[in-house]
Amino acid sequence: MSWMRMALAVALLGATPAAAGARLNGFELSPADIPVEEILPGGPARDGIPALSDPEVVAASDADWPDDSIVMGVVQGGEARAYPVAILDWHELVNDSLGGKPILVSYCPLCGTGMVFDRKVGGEPRTFGVSGLLYKSDVLFYDRESESLWSQIESRAVTGPARGTRLALLRSEQMHWSAWRARHPRTTVLSKKTGHARDYGRSPYAGYSTSDRLFFPASFDPRYTAKMPTLGVRVAAGAARAYPAVEIVRAGGRVEESFEGHPVQVAYDTESQVFDVAAPGEVEVIEGYWFAWSAFHPETTVYVAPAP
């Protein structure tokens, strides 16, 4: 059994809600913008899942990732970079810079959510680490400068001096390495030389994505299975809309509509199990499991394919 599976097993057996005023993994939890009792220890201690900082990257021609490897692709300042999910599964956070912009690449294996943020807070870049704590099964990371806890899906600090501050969400895409490389032949990609002894050819969460089981509690709309691939969009005003993969498939694989006055196009390929989306920059795009989107956006509207 891997150290990750052991940690999760311990967490499942012994995780208890935090009490008001409590400390977990060395973090002061109150005051908080989320219910403190819903903050749970995920198993690993603070930094037990080691975030990467200023990672080594290589040219596409020097990488040996299989063509069907899923990567998170990011373009900033004319530079493209791929972050293999096989590495993110083990590290969850990458503090990087791309195209002159300090960015945070985040991935929560429990929610299937890959999100990229501008690391600047108040004009200064911050460095983030994995807290070992969860909220609604989603990773809570922290910044080393203020030790505030940040909710990935909510994209904001929920405890500490930065409480209430939002991180700017940057557009990213999840797709096969071969497809990303074809679109961006001059891309760089994260190197396997991370400085940590990890088997990047094996997932510590094997079987999780195909199981309906959740390791940690989260209340969600049961109309779809928990792990249904879902593309969510939202705007600053708070409106949110979900595009479950099954509905896109029923609609013929592609949907075009208006969301809060913005044109949105969403496609889903059943063979590659990858979404493709086109939406203006003011629309935030988040891909993950249905349960995670529903848990964090209980008032979401949902695209439903017309009856045949």
C-alpha atoms as a PDB file:
ATOM      1  CA  MET A   1       0.000   0.000   0.000  1.00  0.00           C
ATOM      2  CA  SER A   2       1.402   3.428  -0.962  1.00  0.00           C
ATOM      3  CA  TRP A   3       1.975   6.153   1.623  1.00  0.00           C
ATOM      4  CA  MET A   4      -0.926   8.058   0.026  1.00  0.00           C
ATOM      5  CA  ARG A   5      -3.347   5.161   0.418  1.00  0.00           C
ATOM      6  CA  MET A   6      -2.199   4.614   3.987  1.00  0.00           C
ATOM      7  CA  ALA A   7      -2.771   8.286   4.793  1.00  0.00           C
ATOM      8  CA  LEU A   8      -6.237   8.181   3.247  1.00  0.00           C
ATOM      9  CA  ALA A   9      -7.093   5.013   5.175  1.00  0.00           C
ATOM     10  CA  VAL A  10      -6.069   6.672   8.444  1.00  0.00           C
ATOM     11  CA  ALA A  11      -8.086   9.750   7.539  1.00  0.00           C
ATOM     12  CA  LEU A  12     -11.202   7.710   6.762  1.00  0.00           C
ATOM     13  CA  LEU A  13     -10.968   5.922  10.100  1.00  0.00           C
ATOM     14  CA  GLY A  14     -10.095   8.890  12.253  1.00  0.00           C
ATOM     15  CA  ALA A  15     -11.100  12.147  10.594  1.00  0.00           C
ATOM     16  CA  THR A  16     -13.261  14.244  12.892  1.00  0.00           C
ATOM     17  CA  PRO A  17     -14.721  17.702  12.366  1.00  0.00           C
ATOM     18  CA  ALA A  18     -12.790  20.620  13.758  1.00  0.00           C
ATOM     19  CA  ALA A  19     -14.271  22.542  16.653  1.00  0.00           C
ATOM     20  CA  ALA A  20     -14.518  26.313  16.759  1.00  0.00           C
ATOM     21  CA  GLY A  21     -11.191  27.789  17.788  1.00  0.00           C
ATOM     22  CA  ALA A  22      -9.358  24.573  16.947  1.00  0.00           C
ATOM     23  CA  ARG A  23      -6.035  24.173  15.228  1.00  0.00           C
ATOM     24  CA  LEU A  24      -5.379  21.496  12.644  1.00  0.00           C
ATOM     25  CA  ASN A  25      -2.031  20.730  11.026  1.00  0.00           C
ATOM     26  CA  GLY A  26      -0.713  23.839  12.750  1.00  0.00           C
ATOM     27  CA  PHE A  27      -3.307  26.202  11.256  1.00  0.00           C
ATOM     28  CA  GLU A  28      -5.580  28.455  13.282  1.00  0.00           C
ATOM     29  CA  LEU A  29      -9.056  27.801  11.860  1.00  0.00           C
ATOM     30  CA  SER A  30     -11.062  30.637  13.396  1.00  0.00           C
ATOM     31  CA  PRO A  31     -12.318  33.041  12.295  1.00  0.00           C
ATOM     32  CA  ALA A  32     -13.267  31.416   8.997  1.00  0.00           C
ATOM     33  CA  ASP A  33     -15.527  32.154   6.053  1.00  0.00           C
ATOM     34  CA  ILE A  34     -16.567  28.505   5.881  1.00  0.00           C
ATOM     35  CA  PRO A  35     -17.991  26.231   8.607  1.00  0.00           C
ATOM     36  CA  VAL A  36     -15.009  25.210  10.719  1.00  0.00           C
ATOM     37  CA  GLU A  37     -16.642  21.862  11.491  1.00  0.00           C
ATOM     38  CA  GLU A  38     -16.496  21.034   7.770  1.00  0.00           C
ATOM     39  CA  ILE A  39     -12.705  21.361   7.631  1.00  0.00           C
ATOM     40  CA  LEU A  40     -11.275  17.856   7.808  1.00  0.00           C
ATOM     41  CA  PRO A  41      -7.741  16.447   7.985  1.00  0.00           C
ATOM     42  CA  GLY A  42      -6.999  14.649   4.731  1.00  0.00           C
ATOM     43  CA  GLY A  43      -4.388  12.310   6.206  1.00  0.00           C
ATOM     44  CA  PRO A  44      -1.003  13.786   5.258  1.00  0.00           C
ATOM     45  CA  ALA A  45       0.441  16.447   7.537  1.00  0.00           C
ATOM     46  CA  ARG A  46       1.109  19.994   6.396  1.00  0.00           C
ATOM     47  CA  ASP A  47       3.451  19.715   3.370  1.00  0.00           C
ATOM     48  CA  GLY A  48       3.174  15.920   3.583  1.00  0.00           C
ATOM     49  CA  ILE A  49       2.183  16.286  -0.066  1.00  0.00           C
ATOM     50  CA  PRO A  50       5.106  18.413  -1.262  1.00  0.00           C
ATOM     51  CA  ALA A  51       4.251  21.320  -3.540  1.00  0.00           C
ATOM     52  CA  LEU A  52       6.721  22.082  -6.318  1.00  0.00           C
ATOM     53  CA  SER A  53       8.368  25.477  -6.762  1.00  0.00           C
ATOM     54  CA  ASP A  54      10.294  26.760  -9.794  1.00  0.00           C
ATOM     55  CA  PRO A  55      10.219  23.259 -11.304  1.00  0.00           C
ATOM     56  CA  GLU A  56      12.526  21.947 -13.977  1.00  0.00           C
ATOM     57  CA  VAL A  57      10.932  21.859 -17.437  1.00  0.00           C
ATOM     58  CA  VAL A  58      11.983  20.332 -20.745  1.00  0.00           C
ATOM     59  CA  ALA A  59      11.149  20.870 -24.393  1.00  0.00           C
ATOM     60  CA  ALA A  60       8.421  18.708 -25.904  1.00  0.00           C
ATOM     61  CA  SER A  61      11.024  16.912 -28.020  1.00  0.00           C
ATOM     62  CA  ASP A  62      12.880  15.832 -24.868  1.00  0.00           C
ATOM     63  CA  ALA A  63       9.822  14.548 -23.008  1.00  0.00           C
ATOM     64  CA  ASP A  64       8.849  10.881 -22.909  1.00  0.00           C
ATOM     65  CA  TRP A  65       5.236  11.134 -21.769  1.00  0.00           C
ATOM     66  CA  PRO A  66       2.830   8.721 -23.520  1.00  0.00           C
ATOM     67  CA  ASP A  67       0.624  10.435 -26.093  1.00  0.00           C
ATOM     68  CA  ASP A  68      -2.536   9.671 -24.100  1.00  0.00           C
ATOM     69  CA  SER A  69      -1.209  11.191 -20.864  1.00  0.00           C
ATOM     70  CA  ILE A  70      -3.574  13.862 -19.566  1.00  0.00           C
ATOM     71  CA  VAL A  71      -1.934  17.236 -19.056  1.00  0.00           C
ATOM     72  CA  MET A  72      -3.065  20.624 -17.849  1.00  0.00           C
ATOM     73  CA  GLY A  73      -2.032  23.108 -20.507  1.00  0.00           C
ATOM     74  CA  VAL A  74      -1.445  26.806 -19.834  1.00  0.00           C
ATOM     75  CA  VAL A  75      -0.507  29.702 -22.116  1.00  0.00           C
ATOM     76  CA  GLN A  76       0.741  32.993 -20.694  1.00  0.00           C
ATOM     77  CA  GLY A  77       2.670  35.788 -22.385  1.00  0.00           C
ATOM     78  CA  GLY A  78       3.022  33.751 -25.558  1.00  0.00           C
ATOM     79  CA  GLU A  79       4.587  30.798 -23.723  1.00  0.00           C
ATOM     80  CA  ALA A  80       2.917  27.393 -23.468  1.00  0.00           C
ATOM     81  CA  ARG A  81       3.559  24.795 -20.766  1.00  0.00           C
ATOM     82  CA  ALA A  82       2.066  21.391 -19.945  1.00  0.00           C
ATOM     83  CA  TYR A  83       1.689  19.988 -16.443  1.00  0.00           C
ATOM     84  CA  PRO A  84       1.107  16.209 -16.513  1.00  0.00           C
ATOM     85  CA  VAL A  85      -1.631  15.081 -14.151  1.00  0.00           C
ATOM     86  CA  ALA A  86       0.605  12.082 -13.363  1.00  0.00           C
ATOM     87  CA  ILE A  87       2.889  14.538 -11.530  1.00  0.00           C
ATOM     88  CA  LEU A  88       0.097  16.698 -10.125  1.00  0.00           C
ATOM     89  CA  ASP A  89      -1.485  13.612  -8.517  1.00  0.00           C
ATOM     90  CA  TRP A  90       1.566  13.429  -6.237  1.00  0.00           C
ATOM     91  CA  HIS A  91       2.188  17.149  -5.632  1.00  0.00           C
ATOM     92  CA  GLU A  92      -1.148  18.977  -6.181  1.00  0.00           C
ATOM     93  CA  LEU A  93       0.511  22.425  -6.390  1.00  0.00           C
ATOM     94  CA  VAL A  94       3.171  23.936  -8.631  1.00  0.00           C
ATOM     95  CA  ASN A  95       4.492  27.426  -7.907  1.00  0.00           C
ATOM     96  CA  ASP A  96       5.781  28.493 -11.295  1.00  0.00           C
ATOM     97  CA  SER A  97       6.288  31.472 -13.603  1.00  0.00           C
ATOM     98  CA  LEU A  98       5.190  31.510 -17.230  1.00  0.00           C
ATOM     99  CA  GLY A  99       5.424  34.340 -19.732  1.00  0.00           C
ATOM    100  CA  GLY A 100       6.619  36.639 -16.973  1.00  0.00           C
ATOM    101  CA  LYS A 101       3.597  35.904 -14.744  1.00  0.00           C
ATOM    102  CA  PRO A 102       3.839  34.081 -11.409  1.00  0.00           C
ATOM    103  CA  ILE A 103       1.266  31.293 -11.502  1.00  0.00           C
ATOM    104  CA  LEU A 104      -0.049  28.579  -9.223  1.00  0.00           C
ATOM    105  CA  VAL A 105      -1.046  25.336 -10.912  1.00  0.00           C
ATOM    106  CA  SER A 106      -3.376  23.412  -8.606  1.00  0.00           C
ATOM    107  CA  TYR A 107      -4.938  19.980  -8.925  1.00  0.00           C
ATOM    108  CA  CYS A 108      -7.221  18.202  -6.480  1.00  0.00           C
ATOM    109  CA  PRO A 109      -7.278  14.451  -7.267  1.00  0.00           C
ATOM    110  CA  LEU A 110     -10.322  13.950  -5.030  1.00  0.00           C
ATOM    111  CA  CYS A 111     -12.416  16.461  -7.019  1.00  0.00           C
ATOM    112  CA  GLY A 112     -10.734  16.128 -10.419  1.00  0.00           C
ATOM    113  CA  THR A 113     -10.345  19.906 -10.484  1.00  0.00           C
ATOM    114  CA  GLY A 114      -7.346  21.474 -12.185  1.00  0.00           C
ATOM    115  CA  MET A 115      -7.205  25.258 -11.699  1.00  0.00           C
ATOM    116  CA  VAL A 116      -4.478  27.796 -12.461  1.00  0.00           C
ATOM    117  CA  PHE A 117      -4.189  31.093 -10.618  1.00  0.00           C
ATOM    118  CA  ASP A 118      -2.178  34.290 -10.703  1.00  0.00           C
ATOM    119  CA  ARG A 119       0.007  33.998  -7.578  1.00  0.00           C
ATOM    120  CA  LYS A 120       0.040  37.742  -6.941  1.00  0.00           C
ATOM    121  CA  VAL A 121      -1.820  39.011  -3.891  1.00  0.00           C
ATOM    122  CA  GLY A 122      -1.736  42.752  -3.375  1.00  0.00           C
ATOM    123  CA  GLY A 123       0.768  43.044  -6.204  1.00  0.00           C
ATOM    124  CA  GLU A 124       3.263  40.610  -4.677  1.00  0.00           C
ATOM    125  CA  PRO A 125       3.662  36.921  -5.573  1.00  0.00           C
ATOM    126  CA  ARG A 126       3.017  34.388  -2.862  1.00  0.00           C
ATOM    127  CA  THR A 127       4.232  30.827  -2.500  1.00  0.00           C
ATOM    128  CA  PHE A 128       1.712  28.120  -1.727  1.00  0.00           C
ATOM    129  CA  GLY A 129       1.861  24.762   0.000  1.00  0.00           C
ATOM    130  CA  VAL A 130      -0.514  21.846   0.643  1.00  0.00           C
ATOM    131  CA  SER A 131      -2.122  22.178   4.071  1.00  0.00           C
ATOM    132  CA  GLY A 132      -3.251  18.556   4.383  1.00  0.00           C
ATOM    133  CA  LEU A 133      -6.771  19.848   5.094  1.00  0.00           C
ATOM    134  CA  LEU A 134      -9.940  19.505   3.037  1.00  0.00           C
ATOM    135  CA  TYR A 135     -13.229  21.341   2.674  1.00  0.00           C
ATOM    136  CA  LYS A 136     -16.062  19.487   0.904  1.00  0.00           C
ATOM    137  CA  SER A 137     -13.422  16.966  -0.224  1.00  0.00           C
ATOM    138  CA  ASP A 138     -11.474  19.746  -1.982  1.00  0.00           C
ATOM    139  CA  VAL A 139      -7.907  20.741  -1.224  1.00  0.00           C
ATOM    140  CA  LEU A 140      -7.225  23.678   1.062  1.00  0.00           C
ATOM    141  CA  PHE A 141      -3.818  25.133   0.269  1.00  0.00           C
ATOM    142  CA  TYR A 142      -2.020  27.849   2.190  1.00  0.00           C
ATOM    143  CA  ASP A 143       0.330  30.699   1.424  1.00  0.00           C
ATOM    144  CA  ARG A 144       3.609  30.639   3.287  1.00  0.00           C
ATOM    145  CA  GLU A 145       3.664  34.403   3.747  1.00  0.00           C
ATOM    146  CA  SER A 146       0.500  34.701   5.878  1.00  0.00           C
ATOM    147  CA  GLU A 147      -0.445  31.038   6.540  1.00  0.00           C
ATOM    148  CA  SER A 148      -3.979  31.753   5.355  1.00  0.00           C
ATOM    149  CA  LEU A 149      -5.963  28.778   4.073  1.00  0.00           C
ATOM    150  CA  TRP A 150      -7.373  29.019   0.549  1.00  0.00           C
ATOM    151  CA  SER A 151     -10.228  27.037  -0.986  1.00  0.00           C
ATOM    152  CA  GLN A 152      -9.260  25.878  -4.468  1.00  0.00           C
ATOM    153  CA  ILE A 153     -12.741  25.739  -5.998  1.00  0.00           C
ATOM    154  CA  GLU A 154     -13.919  28.911  -4.255  1.00  0.00           C
ATOM    155  CA  SER A 155     -10.639  30.553  -5.370  1.00  0.00           C
ATOM    156  CA  ARG A 156     -10.354  32.584  -2.189  1.00  0.00           C
ATOM    157  CA  ALA A 157      -8.775  32.652   1.240  1.00  0.00           C
ATOM    158  CA  VAL A 158     -11.139  31.341   3.900  1.00  0.00           C
ATOM    159  CA  THR A 159      -9.016  31.812   7.040  1.00  0.00           C
ATOM    160  CA  GLY A 160      -6.112  33.944   8.209  1.00  0.00           C
ATOM    161  CA  PRO A 161      -4.980  37.485   7.362  1.00  0.00           C
ATOM    162  CA  ALA A 162      -5.870  37.053   3.672  1.00  0.00           C
ATOM    163  CA  ARG A 163      -9.430  35.902   4.452  1.00  0.00           C
ATOM    164  CA  GLY A 164     -11.846  37.050   1.757  1.00  0.00           C
ATOM    165  CA  THR A 165      -9.135  37.732  -0.828  1.00  0.00           C
ATOM    166  CA  ARG A 166      -9.661  36.112  -4.228  1.00  0.00           C
ATOM    167  CA  LEU A 167      -7.038  34.735  -6.562  1.00  0.00           C
ATOM    168  CA  ALA A 168      -7.465  35.528 -10.261  1.00  0.00           C
ATOM    169  CA  LEU A 169      -8.329  32.315 -12.103  1.00  0.00           C
ATOM    170  CA  LEU A 170      -6.426  31.857 -15.365  1.00  0.00           C
ATOM    171  CA  ARG A 171      -7.628  29.771 -18.276  1.00  0.00           C
ATOM    172  CA  SER A 172      -6.190  26.273 -18.592  1.00  0.00           C
ATOM    173  CA  GLU A 173      -7.113  23.150 -20.546  1.00  0.00           C
ATOM    174  CA  GLN A 174      -7.009  19.436 -19.818  1.00  0.00           C
ATOM    175  CA  MET A 175      -6.243  17.208 -22.795  1.00  0.00           C
ATOM    176  CA  HIS A 176      -3.989  14.459 -24.085  1.00  0.00           C
ATOM    177  CA  TRP A 177      -0.298  15.281 -24.298  1.00  0.00           C
ATOM    178  CA  SER A 178      -0.321  14.538 -28.040  1.00  0.00           C
ATOM    179  CA  ALA A 179      -3.138  17.043 -28.642  1.00  0.00           C
ATOM    180  CA  TRP A 180      -1.481  19.762 -26.571  1.00  0.00           C
ATOM    181  CA  ARG A 181       1.853  19.181 -28.320  1.00  0.00           C
ATOM    182  CA  ALA A 182       0.143  19.433 -31.723  1.00  0.00           C
ATOM    183  CA  ARG A 183      -1.460  22.749 -30.786  1.00  0.00           C
ATOM    184  CA  HIS A 184       1.690  24.122 -29.182  1.00  0.00           C
ATOM    185  CA  PRO A 185       4.761  22.485 -30.770  1.00  0.00           C
ATOM    186  CA  ARG A 186       7.111  24.821 -28.878  1.00  0.00           C
ATOM    187  CA  THR A 187       5.588  23.979 -25.516  1.00  0.00           C
ATOM    188  CA  THR A 188       7.652  23.065 -22.504  1.00  0.00           C
ATOM    189  CA  VAL A 189       6.518  20.388 -20.098  1.00  0.00           C
ATOM    190  CA  LEU A 190       7.173  19.632 -16.454  1.00  0.00           C
ATOM    191  CA  SER A 191      10.159  17.337 -16.003  1.00  0.00           C
ATOM    192  CA  LYS A 192       9.960  14.135 -13.985  1.00  0.00           C
ATOM    193  CA  LYS A 193      13.103  15.356 -12.197  1.00  0.00           C
ATOM    194  CA  THR A 194      11.183  17.027  -9.391  1.00  0.00           C
ATOM    195  CA  GLY A 195      13.656  16.355  -6.607  1.00  0.00           C
ATOM    196  CA  HIS A 196      11.217  13.904  -5.010  1.00  0.00           C
ATOM    197  CA  ALA A 197      11.211  10.116  -5.147  1.00  0.00           C
ATOM    198  CA  ARG A 198       7.807   9.409  -6.668  1.00  0.00           C
ATOM    199  CA  ASP A 199       6.644   6.807  -9.167  1.00  0.00           C
ATOM    200  CA  TYR A 200       5.039   9.069 -11.771  1.00  0.00           C
ATOM    201  CA  GLY A 201       4.069   6.046 -13.812  1.00  0.00           C
ATOM    202  CA  ARG A 202       1.591   4.947 -11.138  1.00  0.00           C
ATOM    203  CA  SER A 203      -1.332   6.896  -9.715  1.00  0.00           C
ATOM    204  CA  PRO A 204      -1.817   6.865  -5.940  1.00  0.00           C
ATOM    205  CA  TYR A 205      -5.546   7.248  -6.667  1.00  0.00           C
ATOM    206  CA  ALA A 206      -5.917   4.293  -9.034  1.00  0.00           C
ATOM    207  CA  GLY A 207      -9.565   3.341  -9.448  1.00  0.00           C
ATOM    208  CA  TYR A 208     -10.909   6.430  -7.685  1.00  0.00           C
ATOM    209  CA  SER A 209     -12.184   8.204 -10.817  1.00  0.00           C
ATOM    210  CA  THR A 210     -14.253   5.189 -11.884  1.00  0.00           C
ATOM    211  CA  SER A 211     -15.777   4.554  -8.455  1.00  0.00           C
ATOM    212  CA  ASP A 212     -18.833   6.308  -7.034  1.00  0.00           C
ATOM    213  CA  ARG A 213     -17.204   6.254  -3.629  1.00  0.00           C
ATOM    214  CA  LEU A 214     -16.062   9.500  -2.005  1.00  0.00           C
ATOM    215  CA  PHE A 215     -13.245   9.383   0.520  1.00  0.00           C
ATOM    216  CA  PHE A 216     -14.625  12.431   2.356  1.00  0.00           C
ATOM    217  CA  PRO A 217     -18.179  13.738   2.785  1.00  0.00           C
ATOM    218  CA  ALA A 218     -19.718  16.280   0.420  1.00  0.00           C
ATOM    219  CA  SER A 219     -23.392  17.039  -0.098  1.00  0.00           C
ATOM    220  CA  PHE A 220     -24.367  17.185  -3.758  1.00  0.00           C
ATOM    221  CA  ASP A 221     -27.290  16.926  -6.156  1.00  0.00           C
ATOM    222  CA  PRO A 222     -27.762  13.181  -6.831  1.00  0.00           C
ATOM    223  CA  ARG A 223     -29.243  13.540 -10.320  1.00  0.00           C
ATOM    224  CA  TYR A 224     -25.847  12.510 -11.775  1.00  0.00           C
ATOM    225  CA  THR A 225     -23.239  10.082 -10.530  1.00  0.00           C
ATOM    226  CA  ALA A 226     -20.645  11.593  -8.222  1.00  0.00           C
ATOM    227  CA  LYS A 227     -17.734  11.334 -10.652  1.00  0.00           C
ATOM    228  CA  MET A 228     -19.607  12.439 -13.789  1.00  0.00           C
ATOM    229  CA  PRO A 229     -17.128  14.604 -15.760  1.00  0.00           C
ATOM    230  CA  THR A 230     -18.520  18.127 -15.635  1.00  0.00           C
ATOM    231  CA  LEU A 231     -17.538  21.449 -17.176  1.00  0.00           C
ATOM    232  CA  GLY A 232     -18.668  24.373 -15.033  1.00  0.00           C
ATOM    233  CA  VAL A 233     -18.762  28.074 -15.880  1.00  0.00           C
ATOM    234  CA  ARG A 234     -19.351  31.025 -13.585  1.00  0.00           C
ATOM    235  CA  VAL A 235     -19.143  34.814 -13.566  1.00  0.00           C
ATOM    236  CA  ALA A 236     -18.250  37.347 -10.892  1.00  0.00           C
ATOM    237  CA  ALA A 237     -21.920  38.125 -10.237  1.00  0.00           C
ATOM    238  CA  GLY A 238     -22.277  34.602  -8.843  1.00  0.00           C
ATOM    239  CA  ALA A 239     -24.209  32.860 -11.603  1.00  0.00           C
ATOM    240  CA  ALA A 240     -23.016  29.318 -12.355  1.00  0.00           C
ATOM    241  CA  ARG A 241     -23.902  26.723 -14.974  1.00  0.00           C
ATOM    242  CA  ALA A 242     -22.879  23.086 -15.360  1.00  0.00           C
ATOM    243  CA  TYR A 243     -22.406  20.983 -18.471  1.00  0.00           C
ATOM    244  CA  PRO A 244     -22.300  17.298 -17.455  1.00  0.00           C
ATOM    245  CA  ALA A 245     -20.573  15.132 -20.046  1.00  0.00           C
ATOM    246  CA  VAL A 246     -23.600  12.872 -20.438  1.00  0.00           C
ATOM    247  CA  GLU A 247     -25.777  15.826 -21.461  1.00  0.00           C
ATOM    248  CA  ILE A 248     -23.229  17.056 -24.010  1.00  0.00           C
ATOM    249  CA  VAL A 249     -23.095  13.564 -25.511  1.00  0.00           C
ATOM    250  CA  ARG A 250     -26.906  13.414 -25.699  1.00  0.00           C
ATOM    251  CA  ALA A 251     -26.841  16.744 -27.517  1.00  0.00           C
ATOM    252  CA  GLY A 252     -24.528  15.344 -30.191  1.00  0.00           C
ATOM    253  CA  GLY A 253     -21.189  16.175 -28.595  1.00  0.00           C
ATOM    254  CA  ARG A 254     -21.321  19.983 -28.823  1.00  0.00           C
ATOM    255  CA  VAL A 255     -23.431  22.742 -27.265  1.00  0.00           C
ATOM    256  CA  GLU A 256     -23.519  26.431 -28.121  1.00  0.00           C
ATOM    257  CA  GLU A 257     -25.549  28.833 -26.020  1.00  0.00           C
ATOM    258  CA  SER A 258     -25.477  32.134 -24.132  1.00  0.00           C
ATOM    259  CA  PHE A 259     -24.593  32.242 -20.450  1.00  0.00           C
ATOM    260  CA  GLU A 260     -25.244  35.535 -18.665  1.00  0.00           C
ATOM    261  CA  GLY A 261     -24.948  37.289 -22.010  1.00  0.00           C
ATOM    262  CA  HIS A 262     -21.685  35.549 -22.939  1.00  0.00           C
ATOM    263  CA  PRO A 263     -21.323  33.069 -25.825  1.00  0.00           C
ATOM    264  CA  VAL A 264     -20.248  29.648 -24.561  1.00  0.00           C
ATOM    265  CA  GLN A 265     -19.340  26.588 -26.615  1.00  0.00           C
ATOM    266  CA  VAL A 266     -18.757  23.260 -24.900  1.00  0.00           C
ATOM    267  CA  ALA A 267     -17.782  19.987 -26.565  1.00  0.00           C
ATOM    268  CA  TYR A 268     -17.025  16.572 -25.094  1.00  0.00           C
ATOM    269  CA  ASP A 269     -15.247  13.737 -26.859  1.00  0.00           C
ATOM    270  CA  THR A 270     -16.270  10.328 -25.528  1.00  0.00           C
ATOM    271  CA  GLU A 271     -13.170   8.576 -26.885  1.00  0.00           C
ATOM    272  CA  SER A 272     -10.615  10.892 -25.302  1.00  0.00           C
ATOM    273  CA  GLN A 273     -12.974  11.872 -22.415  1.00  0.00           C
ATOM    274  CA  VAL A 274     -11.849  15.464 -22.819  1.00  0.00           C
ATOM    275  CA  PHE A 275     -13.824  18.719 -22.854  1.00  0.00           C
ATOM    276  CA  ASP A 276     -13.219  21.569 -25.262  1.00  0.00           C
ATOM    277  CA  VAL A 277     -14.604  24.980 -24.343  1.00  0.00           C
ATOM    278  CA  ALA A 278     -14.680  28.446 -25.857  1.00  0.00           C
ATOM    279  CA  ALA A 279     -15.802  31.362 -23.691  1.00  0.00           C
ATOM    280  CA  PRO A 280     -14.707  34.972 -23.156  1.00  0.00           C
ATOM    281  CA  GLY A 281     -12.127  35.719 -20.470  1.00  0.00           C
ATOM    282  CA  GLU A 282     -14.639  37.093 -17.977  1.00  0.00           C
ATOM    283  CA  VAL A 283     -16.220  33.644 -17.757  1.00  0.00           C
ATOM    284  CA  GLU A 284     -14.419  31.326 -15.349  1.00  0.00           C
ATOM    285  CA  VAL A 285     -14.134  27.732 -16.522  1.00  0.00           C
ATOM    286  CA  ILE A 286     -13.694  24.826 -14.093  1.00  0.00           C
ATOM    287  CA  GLU A 287     -13.518  21.160 -15.005  1.00  0.00           C
ATOM    288  CA  GLY A 288     -14.005  18.415 -12.448  1.00  0.00           C
ATOM    289  CA  TYR A 289     -16.357  15.833 -11.014  1.00  0.00           C
ATOM    290  CA  TRP A 290     -20.080  16.566 -10.773  1.00  0.00           C
ATOM    291  CA  PHE A 291     -20.184  16.156  -6.992  1.00  0.00           C
ATOM    292  CA  ALA A 292     -17.523  18.826  -6.506  1.00  0.00           C
ATOM    293  CA  TRP A 293     -19.203  21.366  -8.788  1.00  0.00           C
ATOM    294  CA  SER A 294     -22.588  20.706  -7.188  1.00  0.00           C
ATOM    295  CA  ALA A 295     -21.249  20.861  -3.626  1.00  0.00           C
ATOM    296  CA  PHE A 296     -19.675  24.281  -4.166  1.00  0.00           C
ATOM    297  CA  HIS A 297     -22.422  25.637  -6.466  1.00  0.00           C
ATOM    298  CA  PRO A 298     -25.730  24.384  -5.000  1.00  0.00           C
ATOM    299  CA  GLU A 299     -27.689  27.021  -6.973  1.00  0.00           C
ATOM    300  CA  THR A 300     -26.106  26.114 -10.302  1.00  0.00           C
ATOM    301  CA  THR A 301     -28.224  25.767 -13.394  1.00  0.00           C
ATOM    302  CA  VAL A 302     -27.573  22.674 -15.488  1.00  0.00           C
ATOM    303  CA  TYR A 303     -27.600  22.227 -19.221  1.00  0.00           C
ATOM    304  CA  VAL A 304     -29.974  19.386 -20.114  1.00  0.00           C
ATOM    305  CA  ALA A 305     -30.037  18.057 -23.654  1.00  0.00           C
ATOM    306  CA  PRO A 306     -33.387  18.386 -25.455  1.00  0.00           C
ATOM    307  CA  ALA A 307     -35.479  15.236 -25.621  1.00  0.00           C
ATOM    308  CA  PRO A 308     -35.016  13.396 -28.954  1.00  0.00           C
END
